[in-house]
Structure formats: structure tokens, C-alpha cells
Amino acid sequence: EVIVVEITSRPNRAYARQWGRNYVRYKGCWNDVLDKLLNNAKRQYDAVLFLPPDAVIMDLDYDLLQLIPSDKLVAVPEPCGTGILLFNLHHEQAKEVVSSWREELSCHNERCQDLRLLTETIQSLDDDDDDSSLIYRLHATENGFVQRISEPTYCIKCYTGQQDSELQTLQTTADAVCYRYYPKCEVL
């Protein structure tokens, strides 16, 4: 996993730098991060984007905050196997959902990055019959590309394997993004 993160961090850090955002590599439970951010008196962040270690931001000129409409709590790819989560920290139900998600995780002894359990928690708190009032579904292709459904370009690419060929492809993808956006992204 360390090798994968080293490969993907170059374009992902460049994206954060370009948009004036923080890039933090964190290993732990998402709900712990969300809980800390929501209970921080400064409330300096609008949203938090969780990416799996094998995700590469492909378009450094696209503001990923546009992936989530301001009235939605979360944006998740459909199907949600990519491990990407964009969480709107200013949503009125953010604290309630994080608290309920924490309770569900402790009851079910589930993995703390389980998006299925998060979406189920959101659905249980949602007044509507469907989850569309709180969850925005992003489009994810079978080969790991993620985009906003209404837009033709892909903004994030996730790789699923750890084989040498996947690592080489991941390295090539990260390099291609960095060459495309040089000098914003370190090439070497």
C-alpha cells in the first residue's frame, strides 16, 4: 500500500496545491476524521474527499467540490466499490449522520470505510423514500473511472489490483497526469 500511495500522491498533492486545499494521508476510520472536523470550532473546511490509496486525480483543472451539489450530504460512486467518498461538512445533517454511523459501526463490527453501511445509515435518517435527497450518485465505470453523471469527462481513476502490471499502469497514469500538468505536478 505504501508504494501505491507514493505513486498516487504526486498528482493528488498537485491537485490540492492548485486548488489551495490540504492533502493529508490518513490511515484510520473516516468517521473519526469527520467527527474531528465537524466538532472543530473553526469549521474551516467545506468538504472532505476520501480517496483510496490507488486513486489518481486525472484532471487537476476540475474542482472536485463540483462533484457534490451543495444540498447533498455525500457524493459516492455507483456502484460504491471504488472507495471514494466526498462528504459535505456544512450539511445540516452531517453531525447526526456521523454520530449514527459511528453507532452502526460499533454494533456491526464493520470496517470503518464501509460505504454500504454509511449509505444505509443515511437512508435510515432520510425522510424521503429514496436516498436522493442526501446522497448524490457519481458514475463509476467497471474499469475504475469516476465522473459526475452529467459530465462527459472522468476526473478520478481507481485501480483495484496490486499485481505488478497494475502498479506499472498506475505509475504510467500518475506520470501522464504530471507531464500533462507540469509544472503544477512534479514530474520526477
Protein backbone atom coordinates (compact mmCIF):
# COMPACT_ATOMS: atom_id res chain seq x y z
CA GLU A 1 0.00 0.00 0.00
CA VAL A 2 2.91 2.36 0.73
CA ILE A 3 4.22 2.01 -2.83
CA VAL A 4 0.77 2.72 -4.26
CA VAL A 5 0.33 5.86 -2.14
CA GLU A 6 3.78 7.11 -3.16
CA ILE A 7 2.76 6.77 -6.81
CA THR A 8 -0.65 8.44 -6.50
CA SER A 9 0.36 11.19 -4.09
CA ARG A 10 2.21 13.27 -6.73
CA PRO A 11 -0.82 14.17 -8.87
CA ASN A 12 -3.15 14.21 -5.87
CA ARG A 13 -0.87 16.62 -3.96
CA ALA A 14 -0.58 18.78 -7.09
CA TYR A 15 -4.38 18.93 -7.30
CA ALA A 16 -4.62 20.05 -3.66
CA ARG A 17 -1.91 22.67 -4.15
CA GLN A 18 -3.58 24.07 -7.26
CA TRP A 19 -6.94 24.49 -5.51
CA GLY A 20 -5.47 25.73 -2.21
CA ARG A 21 -6.60 22.64 -0.33
CA ASN A 22 -4.95 20.41 2.21
CA TYR A 23 -3.68 16.97 1.22
CA VAL A 24 -3.41 14.57 4.14
CA ARG A 25 -2.53 10.90 4.02
CA TYR A 26 -4.50 9.26 6.77
CA LYS A 27 -4.82 5.65 7.78
CA GLY A 28 -7.78 5.05 10.02
CA CYS A 29 -11.52 5.39 10.24
CA TRP A 30 -13.24 8.01 8.12
CA ASN A 31 -15.82 8.70 10.79
CA ASP A 32 -13.03 9.70 13.21
CA VAL A 33 -11.80 12.31 10.72
CA LEU A 34 -15.32 13.57 10.07
CA ASP A 35 -16.06 13.72 13.79
CA LYS A 36 -12.93 15.83 14.43
CA LEU A 37 -13.67 18.19 11.55
CA LEU A 38 -17.33 18.64 12.49
CA ASN A 39 -16.54 19.31 16.13
CA ASN A 40 -13.69 21.73 15.42
CA ALA A 41 -14.75 25.21 16.50
CA LYS A 42 -13.09 26.80 13.46
CA ARG A 43 -15.07 24.70 10.94
CA GLN A 44 -12.53 25.73 8.29
CA TYR A 45 -13.40 23.05 5.75
CA ASP A 46 -16.37 22.86 3.39
CA ALA A 47 -15.96 19.23 2.46
CA VAL A 48 -13.62 16.29 2.77
CA LEU A 49 -12.72 13.91 -0.05
CA PHE A 50 -11.62 10.42 0.88
CA LEU A 51 -9.70 8.57 -1.80
CA PRO A 52 -8.41 5.02 -1.64
CA PRO A 53 -4.63 4.67 -1.93
CA ASP A 54 -4.93 3.60 -5.58
CA ALA A 55 -6.91 6.66 -6.78
CA VAL A 56 -5.36 9.20 -9.14
CA ILE A 57 -6.97 12.58 -9.75
CA MET A 58 -6.86 12.79 -13.54
CA ASP A 59 -7.95 16.38 -14.18
CA LEU A 60 -6.15 18.89 -12.00
CA ASP A 61 -8.16 21.76 -13.52
CA TYR A 62 -11.52 20.31 -12.42
CA ASP A 63 -12.70 21.38 -8.97
CA LEU A 64 -13.75 18.12 -7.33
CA LEU A 65 -16.08 20.02 -4.99
CA GLN A 66 -18.29 20.40 -8.06
CA LEU A 67 -18.93 16.66 -7.79
CA ILE A 68 -21.30 17.27 -4.89
CA PRO A 69 -24.26 19.62 -5.11
CA SER A 70 -24.44 21.95 -2.09
CA ASP A 71 -27.74 20.45 -0.92
CA LYS A 72 -26.35 16.88 -0.75
CA LEU A 73 -24.59 15.34 2.23
CA VAL A 74 -22.37 12.91 0.33
CA ALA A 75 -21.32 12.00 -3.17
CA VAL A 76 -20.43 8.35 -3.74
CA PRO A 77 -19.78 6.38 -6.91
CA GLU A 78 -22.40 3.93 -8.06
CA PRO A 79 -21.53 1.11 -7.63
CA CYS A 80 -19.72 2.20 -4.46
CA GLY A 81 -16.86 -0.28 -4.66
CA THR A 82 -14.28 2.37 -5.58
CA GLY A 83 -13.83 3.60 -2.02
CA ILE A 84 -14.34 7.27 -2.88
CA LEU A 85 -16.38 9.47 -0.56
CA LEU A 86 -17.00 13.21 -0.79
CA PHE A 87 -18.63 14.50 2.40
CA ASN A 88 -20.26 17.94 2.71
CA LEU A 89 -19.28 19.19 6.19
CA HIS A 90 -21.74 22.12 6.05
CA HIS A 91 -24.83 19.98 5.51
CA GLU A 92 -27.36 20.36 8.33
CA GLN A 93 -27.47 16.59 8.94
CA ALA A 94 -23.70 15.98 8.87
CA LYS A 95 -23.21 15.61 12.64
CA GLU A 96 -26.28 13.42 13.06
CA VAL A 97 -25.18 11.08 10.27
CA VAL A 98 -21.61 10.76 11.55
CA SER A 99 -22.87 10.03 15.06
CA SER A 100 -25.33 7.40 13.79
CA TRP A 101 -22.70 5.89 11.51
CA ARG A 102 -20.32 5.55 14.47
CA GLU A 103 -23.05 3.71 16.42
CA GLU A 104 -23.75 1.40 13.47
CA LEU A 105 -20.05 0.60 13.08
CA SER A 106 -19.73 -0.31 16.76
CA CYS A 107 -22.87 -2.50 16.63
CA HIS A 108 -21.91 -4.37 13.48
CA ASN A 109 -18.13 -4.51 13.98
CA GLU A 110 -17.80 -3.42 10.34
CA ARG A 111 -14.84 -1.95 8.57
CA CYS A 112 -14.78 1.77 9.14
CA GLN A 113 -14.51 2.59 5.42
CA ASP A 114 -17.66 0.63 4.59
CA LEU A 115 -19.62 2.92 2.27
CA ARG A 116 -22.52 0.50 2.17
CA LEU A 117 -23.06 0.93 5.90
CA LEU A 118 -22.75 4.72 5.58
CA THR A 119 -25.36 4.87 2.82
CA GLU A 120 -27.67 2.59 4.83
CA THR A 121 -27.25 4.89 7.83
CA ILE A 122 -28.08 7.92 5.71
CA GLN A 123 -31.14 6.18 4.26
CA SER A 124 -32.38 5.32 7.76
CA LEU A 125 -32.22 9.01 8.74
CA ASP A 126 -33.65 10.34 5.48
CA ASP A 127 -37.31 11.34 5.47
CA ASP A 128 -37.72 10.55 1.76
CA ASP A 129 -38.36 7.05 0.47
CA ASP A 130 -35.23 7.13 -1.65
CA ASP A 131 -31.79 8.41 -0.70
CA SER A 132 -31.67 11.08 -3.41
CA SER A 133 -32.25 13.96 -1.01
CA LEU A 134 -28.93 13.36 0.80
CA ILE A 135 -26.81 11.17 -1.48
CA TYR A 136 -25.51 12.21 -4.89
CA ARG A 137 -24.56 9.23 -7.02
CA LEU A 138 -21.46 9.57 -9.18
CA HIS A 139 -20.93 7.33 -12.18
CA ALA A 140 -18.20 4.69 -11.85
CA THR A 141 -17.21 2.51 -14.78
CA GLU A 142 -16.12 -1.11 -14.49
CA ASN A 143 -12.52 -0.10 -15.05
CA GLY A 144 -12.47 2.38 -12.16
CA PHE A 145 -13.13 5.78 -13.74
CA VAL A 146 -15.36 8.13 -11.75
CA GLN A 147 -17.28 11.13 -13.06
CA ARG A 148 -20.29 13.27 -12.37
CA ILE A 149 -23.16 11.65 -14.25
CA SER A 150 -23.99 14.77 -16.24
CA GLU A 151 -20.42 15.41 -17.41
CA PRO A 152 -18.52 13.60 -20.15
CA THR A 153 -15.01 13.69 -18.64
CA TYR A 154 -13.56 11.42 -15.99
CA CYS A 155 -11.90 13.11 -13.05
CA ILE A 156 -10.65 10.23 -10.87
CA LYS A 157 -9.23 6.80 -11.73
CA CYS A 158 -9.06 3.92 -9.21
CA TYR A 159 -7.06 0.75 -9.67
CA THR A 160 -8.19 -2.42 -7.98
CA GLY A 161 -5.24 -4.81 -8.12
CA GLN A 162 -1.82 -4.95 -6.55
CA GLN A 163 -0.15 -7.00 -9.27
CA ASP A 164 2.99 -5.66 -10.91
CA SER A 165 1.10 -4.87 -14.13
CA GLU A 166 -1.44 -2.80 -12.17
CA LEU A 167 1.36 -0.94 -10.38
CA GLN A 168 3.04 -0.21 -13.72
CA THR A 169 -0.25 1.07 -15.14
CA LEU A 170 -0.80 3.17 -12.02
CA GLN A 171 2.71 4.63 -12.33
CA THR A 172 2.16 5.37 -16.04
CA THR A 173 -1.16 7.08 -15.28
CA ALA A 174 0.31 9.22 -12.49
CA ASP A 175 3.27 10.15 -14.69
CA ALA A 176 0.98 11.06 -17.59
CA VAL A 177 -1.06 13.37 -15.33
CA CYS A 178 2.11 15.00 -14.02
CA TYR A 179 3.56 15.51 -17.51
CA ARG A 180 0.26 16.95 -18.71
CA TYR A 181 0.09 19.44 -15.85
CA TYR A 182 3.80 20.23 -15.48
CA PRO A 183 4.98 22.42 -13.71
CA LYS A 184 1.97 22.13 -11.37
CA CYS A 185 2.87 18.50 -10.74
CA GLU A 186 6.36 17.20 -10.04
CA VAL A 187 7.49 15.06 -12.95
CA LEU A 188 10.30 13.30 -11.16
